[in-house]
Amino acid sequence: MTAAFTRTIRKAVLALTIATTLGAMASTQTFAYSAEAQQQCTGDAFRLCSSEIPNIPKITACMFKNRASLSPGCRAVMDKDLAAQKTRKVSAAD
């Protein structure tokens, strides 16, 4: 295999892992997955947490640990989704 092909395969695997991570975050209700979240946060996940791939819980923890280093768009999406989750939990408790 050529180096370019290997890099392409690695990027594809990383992209799938990030998508899976964001989906798992939603299923554990840690972070609500949305198309907007994927668009805004995939780059941050690669940049900040690629060393944690493929361990989904570690990637999730890494994203929250590095919250201050997230891009403004990713942080805004996370804040919005987390606020919506908290509102749903409070409403469900009533």
PDB file of N, CA and C in Angstrom:
ATOM      1  N   MET A   1       0.833  -1.184   0.000  1.00  0.00           N
ATOM      2  CA  MET A   1       0.000   0.000   0.000  1.00  0.00           C
ATOM      3  C   MET A   1       0.874   1.241   0.000  1.00  0.00           C
ATOM      4  N   THR A   2       0.398   2.263  -0.671  1.00  0.00           N
ATOM      5  CA  THR A   2       1.151   3.497  -0.696  1.00  0.00           C
ATOM      6  C   THR A   2       0.834   4.319   0.547  1.00  0.00           C
ATOM      7  N   ALA A   3       1.697   5.257   0.835  1.00  0.00           N
ATOM      8  CA  ALA A   3       1.510   6.114   2.004  1.00  0.00           C
ATOM      9  C   ALA A   3       0.231   6.940   1.877  1.00  0.00           C
ATOM     10  N   ALA A   4      -0.067   7.409   0.666  1.00  0.00           N
ATOM     11  CA  ALA A   4      -1.273   8.210   0.458  1.00  0.00           C
ATOM     12  C   ALA A   4      -2.529   7.376   0.709  1.00  0.00           C
ATOM     13  N   PHE A   5      -2.524   6.144   0.249  1.00  0.00           N
ATOM     14  CA  PHE A   5      -3.671   5.257   0.476  1.00  0.00           C
ATOM     15  C   PHE A   5      -3.843   4.981   1.967  1.00  0.00           C
ATOM     16  N   THR A   6      -2.748   4.751   2.656  1.00  0.00           N
ATOM     17  CA  THR A   6      -2.793   4.491   4.097  1.00  0.00           C
ATOM     18  C   THR A   6      -3.347   5.698   4.844  1.00  0.00           C
ATOM     19  N   ARG A   7      -2.929   6.903   4.466  1.00  0.00           N
ATOM     20  CA  ARG A   7      -3.446   8.126   5.100  1.00  0.00           C
ATOM     21  C   ARG A   7      -4.946   8.268   4.848  1.00  0.00           C
ATOM     22  N   THR A   8      -5.377   7.947   3.636  1.00  0.00           N
ATOM     23  CA  THR A   8      -6.793   8.039   3.294  1.00  0.00           C
ATOM     24  C   THR A   8      -7.610   7.065   4.135  1.00  0.00           C
ATOM     25  N   ILE A   9      -7.140   5.845   4.268  1.00  0.00           N
ATOM     26  CA  ILE A   9      -7.832   4.843   5.087  1.00  0.00           C
ATOM     27  C   ILE A   9      -7.873   5.308   6.538  1.00  0.00           C
ATOM     28  N   ARG A  10      -6.765   5.827   7.045  1.00  0.00           N
ATOM     29  CA  ARG A  10      -6.706   6.286   8.440  1.00  0.00           C
ATOM     30  C   ARG A  10      -7.709   7.420   8.664  1.00  0.00           C
ATOM     31  N   LYS A  11      -7.785   8.358   7.741  1.00  0.00           N
ATOM     32  CA  LYS A  11      -8.740   9.462   7.876  1.00  0.00           C
ATOM     33  C   LYS A  11     -10.177   8.954   7.875  1.00  0.00           C
ATOM     34  N   ALA A  12     -10.468   7.983   7.027  1.00  0.00           N
ATOM     35  CA  ALA A  12     -11.821   7.423   6.970  1.00  0.00           C
ATOM     36  C   ALA A  12     -12.172   6.726   8.276  1.00  0.00           C
ATOM     37  N   VAL A  13     -11.225   5.968   8.825  1.00  0.00           N
ATOM     38  CA  VAL A  13     -11.464   5.282  10.098  1.00  0.00           C
ATOM     39  C   VAL A  13     -11.662   6.300  11.211  1.00  0.00           C
ATOM     40  N   LEU A  14     -10.863   7.347  11.242  1.00  0.00           N
ATOM     41  CA  LEU A  14     -11.012   8.376  12.263  1.00  0.00           C
ATOM     42  C   LEU A  14     -12.364   9.083  12.145  1.00  0.00           C
ATOM     43  N   ALA A  15     -12.792   9.373  10.922  1.00  0.00           N
ATOM     44  CA  ALA A  15     -14.083  10.027  10.720  1.00  0.00           C
ATOM     45  C   ALA A  15     -15.224   9.146  11.219  1.00  0.00           C
ATOM     46  N   LEU A  16     -15.156   7.856  10.921  1.00  0.00           N
ATOM     47  CA  LEU A  16     -16.186   6.927  11.402  1.00  0.00           C
ATOM     48  C   LEU A  16     -16.162   6.829  12.917  1.00  0.00           C
ATOM     49  N   THR A  17     -14.981   6.830  13.495  1.00  0.00           N
ATOM     50  CA  THR A  17     -14.874   6.755  14.951  1.00  0.00           C
ATOM     51  C   THR A  17     -15.467   7.989  15.605  1.00  0.00           C
ATOM     52  N   ILE A  18     -15.192   9.160  15.047  1.00  0.00           N
ATOM     53  CA  ILE A  18     -15.749  10.393  15.605  1.00  0.00           C
ATOM     54  C   ILE A  18     -17.269  10.386  15.488  1.00  0.00           C
ATOM     55  N   ALA A  19     -17.783   9.962  14.349  1.00  0.00           N
ATOM     56  CA  ALA A  19     -19.240   9.896  14.187  1.00  0.00           C
ATOM     57  C   ALA A  19     -19.847   8.923  15.192  1.00  0.00           C
ATOM     58  N   THR A  20     -19.186   7.796  15.387  1.00  0.00           N
ATOM     59  CA  THR A  20     -19.662   6.817  16.369  1.00  0.00           C
ATOM     60  C   THR A  20     -19.603   7.399  17.777  1.00  0.00           C
ATOM     61  N   THR A  21     -18.540   8.125  18.061  1.00  0.00           N
ATOM     62  CA  THR A  21     -18.386   8.737  19.377  1.00  0.00           C
ATOM     63  C   THR A  21     -19.514   9.721  19.650  1.00  0.00           C
ATOM     64  N   LEU A  22     -19.781  10.564  18.686  1.00  0.00           N
ATOM     65  CA  LEU A  22     -20.861  11.539  18.881  1.00  0.00           C
ATOM     66  C   LEU A  22     -22.202  10.827  19.045  1.00  0.00           C
ATOM     67  N   GLY A  23     -22.402   9.760  18.304  1.00  0.00           N
ATOM     68  CA  GLY A  23     -23.632   8.985  18.459  1.00  0.00           C
ATOM     69  C   GLY A  23     -23.713   8.337  19.831  1.00  0.00           C
ATOM     70  N   ALA A  24     -22.594   7.811  20.304  1.00  0.00           N
ATOM     71  CA  ALA A  24     -22.575   7.186  21.633  1.00  0.00           C
ATOM     72  C   ALA A  24     -22.800   8.220  22.721  1.00  0.00           C
ATOM     73  N   MET A  25     -22.272   9.400  22.516  1.00  0.00           N
ATOM     74  CA  MET A  25     -22.500  10.460  23.493  1.00  0.00           C
ATOM     75  C   MET A  25     -23.986  10.743  23.615  1.00  0.00           C
ATOM     76  N   ALA A  26     -24.684  10.692  22.521  1.00  0.00           N
ATOM     77  CA  ALA A  26     -26.126  10.915  22.552  1.00  0.00           C
ATOM     78  C   ALA A  26     -26.832   9.763  23.236  1.00  0.00           C
ATOM     79  N   SER A  27     -26.393   8.540  22.973  1.00  0.00           N
ATOM     80  CA  SER A  27     -27.075   7.387  23.553  1.00  0.00           C
ATOM     81  C   SER A  27     -26.852   7.297  25.050  1.00  0.00           C
ATOM     82  N   THR A  28     -25.750   7.856  25.546  1.00  0.00           N
ATOM     83  CA  THR A  28     -25.519   7.856  26.981  1.00  0.00           C
ATOM     84  C   THR A  28     -26.052   9.138  27.607  1.00  0.00           C
ATOM     85  N   GLN A  29     -26.650   9.979  26.812  1.00  0.00           N
ATOM     86  CA  GLN A  29     -27.223  11.244  27.220  1.00  0.00           C
ATOM     87  C   GLN A  29     -26.192  12.174  27.851  1.00  0.00           C
ATOM     88  N   THR A  30     -24.941  12.015  27.454  1.00  0.00           N
ATOM     89  CA  THR A  30     -23.903  12.918  27.903  1.00  0.00           C
ATOM     90  C   THR A  30     -23.879  14.150  27.013  1.00  0.00           C
ATOM     91  N   PHE A  31     -24.161  13.947  25.759  1.00  0.00           N
ATOM     92  CA  PHE A  31     -24.121  15.033  24.791  1.00  0.00           C
ATOM     93  C   PHE A  31     -25.060  14.659  23.664  1.00  0.00           C
ATOM     94  N   ALA A  32     -26.027  15.502  23.406  1.00  0.00           N
ATOM     95  CA  ALA A  32     -27.034  15.187  22.391  1.00  0.00           C
ATOM     96  C   ALA A  32     -26.415  15.299  21.001  1.00  0.00           C
ATOM     97  N   TYR A  33     -26.390  14.202  20.287  1.00  0.00           N
ATOM     98  CA  TYR A  33     -25.834  14.170  18.941  1.00  0.00           C
ATOM     99  C   TYR A  33     -26.790  14.843  17.976  1.00  0.00           C
ATOM    100  N   SER A  34     -26.249  15.639  17.125  1.00  0.00           N
ATOM    101  CA  SER A  34     -27.030  16.258  16.061  1.00  0.00           C
ATOM    102  C   SER A  34     -26.102  16.444  14.870  1.00  0.00           C
ATOM    103  N   ALA A  35     -26.697  16.675  13.730  1.00  0.00           N
ATOM    104  CA  ALA A  35     -25.880  16.932  12.538  1.00  0.00           C
ATOM    105  C   ALA A  35     -25.041  18.184  12.755  1.00  0.00           C
ATOM    106  N   GLU A  36     -25.618  19.155  13.443  1.00  0.00           N
ATOM    107  CA  GLU A  36     -24.886  20.389  13.736  1.00  0.00           C
ATOM    108  C   GLU A  36     -23.685  20.104  14.645  1.00  0.00           C
ATOM    109  N   ALA A  37     -23.877  19.235  15.639  1.00  0.00           N
ATOM    110  CA  ALA A  37     -22.774  18.877  16.539  1.00  0.00           C
ATOM    111  C   ALA A  37     -21.665  18.173  15.770  1.00  0.00           C
ATOM    112  N   GLN A  38     -22.042  17.267  14.893  1.00  0.00           N
ATOM    113  CA  GLN A  38     -21.033  16.563  14.099  1.00  0.00           C
ATOM    114  C   GLN A  38     -20.257  17.557  13.247  1.00  0.00           C
ATOM    115  N   GLN A  39     -20.961  18.456  12.615  1.00  0.00           N
ATOM    116  CA  GLN A  39     -20.310  19.434  11.744  1.00  0.00           C
ATOM    117  C   GLN A  39     -19.372  20.348  12.538  1.00  0.00           C
ATOM    118  N   GLN A  40     -19.833  20.811  13.692  1.00  0.00           N
ATOM    119  CA  GLN A  40     -19.060  21.778  14.469  1.00  0.00           C
ATOM    120  C   GLN A  40     -17.944  21.151  15.298  1.00  0.00           C
ATOM    121  N   CYS A  41     -18.090  19.882  15.701  1.00  0.00           N
ATOM    122  CA  CYS A  41     -17.171  19.301  16.687  1.00  0.00           C
ATOM    123  C   CYS A  41     -16.205  18.247  16.159  1.00  0.00           C
ATOM    124  N   THR A  42     -16.413  17.745  14.958  1.00  0.00           N
ATOM    125  CA  THR A  42     -15.529  16.689  14.455  1.00  0.00           C
ATOM    126  C   THR A  42     -14.080  17.145  14.412  1.00  0.00           C
ATOM    127  N   GLY A  43     -13.834  18.336  13.925  1.00  0.00           N
ATOM    128  CA  GLY A  43     -12.467  18.852  13.868  1.00  0.00           C
ATOM    129  C   GLY A  43     -11.838  18.965  15.248  1.00  0.00           C
ATOM    130  N   ASP A  44     -12.628  19.415  16.233  1.00  0.00           N
ATOM    131  CA  ASP A  44     -12.125  19.521  17.602  1.00  0.00           C
ATOM    132  C   ASP A  44     -11.799  18.146  18.165  1.00  0.00           C
ATOM    133  N   ALA A  45     -12.636  17.165  17.877  1.00  0.00           N
ATOM    134  CA  ALA A  45     -12.390  15.812  18.379  1.00  0.00           C
ATOM    135  C   ALA A  45     -11.086  15.271  17.794  1.00  0.00           C
ATOM    136  N   PHE A  46     -10.847  15.487  16.502  1.00  0.00           N
ATOM    137  CA  PHE A  46      -9.589  15.057  15.893  1.00  0.00           C
ATOM    138  C   PHE A  46      -8.412  15.796  16.521  1.00  0.00           C
ATOM    139  N   ARG A  47      -8.552  17.100  16.672  1.00  0.00           N
ATOM    140  CA  ARG A  47      -7.458  17.945  17.156  1.00  0.00           C
ATOM    141  C   ARG A  47      -7.122  17.676  18.614  1.00  0.00           C
ATOM    142  N   LEU A  48      -8.153  17.540  19.452  1.00  0.00           N
ATOM    143  CA  LEU A  48      -7.928  17.451  20.889  1.00  0.00           C
ATOM    144  C   LEU A  48      -7.891  16.032  21.443  1.00  0.00           C
ATOM    145  N   CYS A  49      -8.587  15.109  20.803  1.00  0.00           N
ATOM    146  CA  CYS A  49      -8.801  13.800  21.418  1.00  0.00           C
ATOM    147  C   CYS A  49      -8.439  12.612  20.541  1.00  0.00           C
ATOM    148  N   SER A  50      -7.705  12.824  19.472  1.00  0.00           N
ATOM    149  CA  SER A  50      -7.400  11.716  18.565  1.00  0.00           C
ATOM    150  C   SER A  50      -6.605  10.616  19.257  1.00  0.00           C
ATOM    151  N   SER A  51      -5.865  10.954  20.306  1.00  0.00           N
ATOM    152  CA  SER A  51      -5.091   9.928  21.017  1.00  0.00           C
ATOM    153  C   SER A  51      -5.990   8.958  21.778  1.00  0.00           C
ATOM    154  N   GLU A  52      -7.254   9.329  21.979  1.00  0.00           N
ATOM    155  CA  GLU A  52      -8.192   8.480  22.710  1.00  0.00           C
ATOM    156  C   GLU A  52      -8.966   7.527  21.800  1.00  0.00           C
ATOM    157  N   ILE A  53      -8.857   7.717  20.499  1.00  0.00           N
ATOM    158  CA  ILE A  53      -9.581   6.875  19.554  1.00  0.00           C
ATOM    159  C   ILE A  53      -9.009   5.471  19.612  1.00  0.00           C
ATOM    160  N   PRO A  54      -9.791   4.429  19.699  1.00  0.00           N
ATOM    161  CA  PRO A  54     -11.230   4.309  19.489  1.00  0.00           C
ATOM    162  C   PRO A  54     -12.052   4.201  20.783  1.00  0.00           C
ATOM    163  N   ASN A  55     -11.501   4.571  21.928  1.00  0.00           N
ATOM    164  CA  ASN A  55     -12.186   4.423  23.204  1.00  0.00           C
ATOM    165  C   ASN A  55     -13.233   5.525  23.377  1.00  0.00           C
ATOM    166  N   ILE A  56     -14.489   5.201  23.098  1.00  0.00           N
ATOM    167  CA  ILE A  56     -15.557   6.199  23.083  1.00  0.00           C
ATOM    168  C   ILE A  56     -15.724   6.917  24.425  1.00  0.00           C
ATOM    169  N   PRO A  57     -15.757   6.221  25.549  1.00  0.00           N
ATOM    170  CA  PRO A  57     -15.877   6.956  26.826  1.00  0.00           C
ATOM    171  C   PRO A  57     -14.720   7.928  27.057  1.00  0.00           C
ATOM    172  N   LYS A  58     -13.512   7.534  26.642  1.00  0.00           N
ATOM    173  CA  LYS A  58     -12.371   8.438  26.817  1.00  0.00           C
ATOM    174  C   LYS A  58     -12.457   9.648  25.888  1.00  0.00           C
ATOM    175  N   ILE A  59     -12.949   9.450  24.676  1.00  0.00           N
ATOM    176  CA  ILE A  59     -13.121  10.584  23.760  1.00  0.00           C
ATOM    177  C   ILE A  59     -14.150  11.543  24.337  1.00  0.00           C
ATOM    178  N   THR A  60     -15.243  11.007  24.849  1.00  0.00           N
ATOM    179  CA  THR A  60     -16.289  11.836  25.447  1.00  0.00           C
ATOM    180  C   THR A  60     -15.724  12.640  26.608  1.00  0.00           C
ATOM    181  N   ALA A  61     -15.007  11.973  27.498  1.00  0.00           N
ATOM    182  CA  ALA A  61     -14.407  12.662  28.646  1.00  0.00           C
ATOM    183  C   ALA A  61     -13.410  13.716  28.187  1.00  0.00           C
ATOM    184  N   CYS A  62     -12.641  13.384  27.165  1.00  0.00           N
ATOM    185  CA  CYS A  62     -11.651  14.315  26.625  1.00  0.00           C
ATOM    186  C   CYS A  62     -12.306  15.587  26.094  1.00  0.00           C
ATOM    187  N   MET A  63     -13.411  15.432  25.383  1.00  0.00           N
ATOM    188  CA  MET A  63     -14.108  16.603  24.834  1.00  0.00           C
ATOM    189  C   MET A  63     -14.571  17.528  25.961  1.00  0.00           C
ATOM    190  N   PHE A  64     -15.104  16.947  27.024  1.00  0.00           N
ATOM    191  CA  PHE A  64     -15.554  17.777  28.141  1.00  0.00           C
ATOM    192  C   PHE A  64     -14.378  18.350  28.925  1.00  0.00           C
ATOM    193  N   LYS A  65     -13.311  17.581  29.076  1.00  0.00           N
ATOM    194  CA  LYS A  65     -12.117  18.053  29.780  1.00  0.00           C
ATOM    195  C   LYS A  65     -11.485  19.240  29.043  1.00  0.00           C
ATOM    196  N   ASN A  66     -11.511  19.184  27.725  1.00  0.00           N
ATOM    197  CA  ASN A  66     -10.895  20.227  26.903  1.00  0.00           C
ATOM    198  C   ASN A  66     -11.904  21.259  26.424  1.00  0.00           C
ATOM    199  N   ARG A  67     -12.992  21.387  27.128  1.00  0.00           N
ATOM    200  CA  ARG A  67     -14.077  22.288  26.728  1.00  0.00           C
ATOM    201  C   ARG A  67     -13.584  23.713  26.452  1.00  0.00           C
ATOM    202  N   ALA A  68     -12.651  24.180  27.266  1.00  0.00           N
ATOM    203  CA  ALA A  68     -12.130  25.539  27.081  1.00  0.00           C
ATOM    204  C   ALA A  68     -11.364  25.689  25.772  1.00  0.00           C
ATOM    205  N   SER A  69     -10.862  24.602  25.227  1.00  0.00           N
ATOM    206  CA  SER A  69     -10.095  24.639  23.977  1.00  0.00           C
ATOM    207  C   SER A  69     -10.936  24.352  22.744  1.00  0.00           C
ATOM    208  N   LEU A  70     -12.224  24.070  22.939  1.00  0.00           N
ATOM    209  CA  LEU A  70     -13.098  23.790  21.796  1.00  0.00           C
ATOM    210  C   LEU A  70     -13.291  25.040  20.959  1.00  0.00           C
ATOM    211  N   SER A  71     -13.566  24.838  19.704  1.00  0.00           N
ATOM    212  CA  SER A  71     -13.874  25.973  18.839  1.00  0.00           C
ATOM    213  C   SER A  71     -15.168  26.607  19.335  1.00  0.00           C
ATOM    214  N   PRO A  72     -15.357  27.893  19.073  1.00  0.00           N
ATOM    215  CA  PRO A  72     -16.591  28.551  19.527  1.00  0.00           C
ATOM    216  C   PRO A  72     -17.857  27.862  19.021  1.00  0.00           C
ATOM    217  N   GLY A  73     -17.832  27.382  17.779  1.00  0.00           N
ATOM    218  CA  GLY A  73     -19.010  26.712  17.217  1.00  0.00           C
ATOM    219  C   GLY A  73     -19.331  25.424  17.947  1.00  0.00           C
ATOM    220  N   CYS A  74     -18.328  24.613  18.220  1.00  0.00           N
ATOM    221  CA  CYS A  74     -18.540  23.350  18.934  1.00  0.00           C
ATOM    222  C   CYS A  74     -19.020  23.621  20.350  1.00  0.00           C
ATOM    223  N   ARG A  75     -18.387  24.555  21.041  1.00  0.00           N
ATOM    224  CA  ARG A  75     -18.788  24.875  22.410  1.00  0.00           C
ATOM    225  C   ARG A  75     -20.232  25.362  22.447  1.00  0.00           C
ATOM    226  N   ALA A  76     -20.622  26.179  21.479  1.00  0.00           N
ATOM    227  CA  ALA A  76     -21.993  26.682  21.432  1.00  0.00           C
ATOM    228  C   ALA A  76     -23.001  25.548  21.224  1.00  0.00           C
ATOM    229  N   VAL A  77     -22.674  24.622  20.322  1.00  0.00           N
ATOM    230  CA  VAL A  77     -23.567  23.483  20.071  1.00  0.00           C
ATOM    231  C   VAL A  77     -23.679  22.611  21.323  1.00  0.00           C
ATOM    232  N   MET A  78     -22.542  22.336  21.964  1.00  0.00           N
ATOM    233  CA  MET A  78     -22.565  21.522  23.176  1.00  0.00           C
ATOM    234  C   MET A  78     -23.393  22.195  24.266  1.00  0.00           C
ATOM    235  N   ASP A  79     -23.196  23.504  24.456  1.00  0.00           N
ATOM    236  CA  ASP A  79     -23.955  24.233  25.474  1.00  0.00           C
ATOM    237  C   ASP A  79     -25.450  24.188  25.180  1.00  0.00           C
ATOM    238  N   LYS A  80     -25.796  24.393  23.918  1.00  0.00           N
ATOM    239  CA  LYS A  80     -27.212  24.388  23.525  1.00  0.00           C
ATOM    240  C   LYS A  80     -27.835  23.016  23.744  1.00  0.00           C
ATOM    241  N   ASP A  81     -27.136  21.969  23.317  1.00  0.00           N
ATOM    242  CA  ASP A  81     -27.660  20.614  23.460  1.00  0.00           C
ATOM    243  C   ASP A  81     -27.741  20.190  24.924  1.00  0.00           C
ATOM    244  N   LEU A  82     -26.738  20.561  25.729  1.00  0.00           N
ATOM    245  CA  LEU A  82     -26.778  20.211  27.147  1.00  0.00           C
ATOM    246  C   LEU A  82     -27.899  20.953  27.872  1.00  0.00           C
ATOM    247  N   ALA A  83     -28.119  22.220  27.514  1.00  0.00           N
ATOM    248  CA  ALA A  83     -29.211  22.981  28.125  1.00  0.00           C
ATOM    249  C   ALA A  83     -30.556  22.365  27.763  1.00  0.00           C
ATOM    250  N   ALA A  84     -30.703  21.927  26.533  1.00  0.00           N
ATOM    251  CA  ALA A  84     -31.950  21.285  26.108  1.00  0.00           C
ATOM    252  C   ALA A  84     -32.163  19.975  26.864  1.00  0.00           C
ATOM    253  N   GLN A  85     -31.101  19.233  27.091  1.00  0.00           N
ATOM    254  CA  GLN A  85     -31.208  17.980  27.848  1.00  0.00           C
ATOM    255  C   GLN A  85     -31.635  18.247  29.278  1.00  0.00           C
ATOM    256  N   LYS A  86     -31.042  19.252  29.901  1.00  0.00           N
ATOM    257  CA  LYS A  86     -31.386  19.583  31.285  1.00  0.00           C
ATOM    258  C   LYS A  86     -32.843  20.000  31.380  1.00  0.00           C
ATOM    259  N   THR A  87     -33.315  20.757  30.393  1.00  0.00           N
ATOM    260  CA  THR A  87     -34.714  21.185  30.378  1.00  0.00           C
ATOM    261  C   THR A  87     -35.629  19.977  30.253  1.00  0.00           C
ATOM    262  N   ARG A  88     -35.271  19.035  29.394  1.00  0.00           N
ATOM    263  CA  ARG A  88     -36.091  17.814  29.238  1.00  0.00           C
ATOM    264  C   ARG A  88     -36.103  16.995  30.518  1.00  0.00           C
ATOM    265  N   LYS A  89     -34.946  16.895  31.206  1.00  0.00           N
ATOM    266  CA  LYS A  89     -34.881  16.126  32.446  1.00  0.00           C
ATOM    267  C   LYS A  89     -35.720  16.775  33.540  1.00  0.00           C
ATOM    268  N   VAL A  90     -35.685  18.099  33.637  1.00  0.00           N
ATOM    269  CA  VAL A  90     -36.478  18.807  34.635  1.00  0.00           C
ATOM    270  C   VAL A  90     -37.950  18.635  34.333  1.00  0.00           C
ATOM    271  N   SER A  91     -38.329  18.745  33.065  1.00  0.00           N
ATOM    272  CA  SER A  91     -39.733  18.566  32.666  1.00  0.00           C
ATOM    273  C   SER A  91     -40.208  17.143  32.948  1.00  0.00           C
ATOM    274  N   ALA A  92     -39.348  16.174  32.722  1.00  0.00           N
ATOM    275  CA  ALA A  92     -39.718  14.773  32.955  1.00  0.00           C
ATOM    276  C   ALA A  92     -39.871  14.476  34.442  1.00  0.00           C
ATOM    277  N   ALA A  93     -39.155  15.212  35.294  1.00  0.00           N
ATOM    278  CA  ALA A  93     -39.236  14.997  36.731  1.00  0.00           C
ATOM    279  C   ALA A  93     -40.508  15.588  37.336  1.00  0.00           C
ATOM    280  N   ASP A  94     -41.134  16.525  36.655  1.00  0.00           N
ATOM    281  CA  ASP A  94     -42.341  17.179  37.181  1.00  0.00           C
ATOM    282  C   ASP A  94     -43.529  16.275  37.197  1.00  0.00           C
TER     283      ASP A  94
END
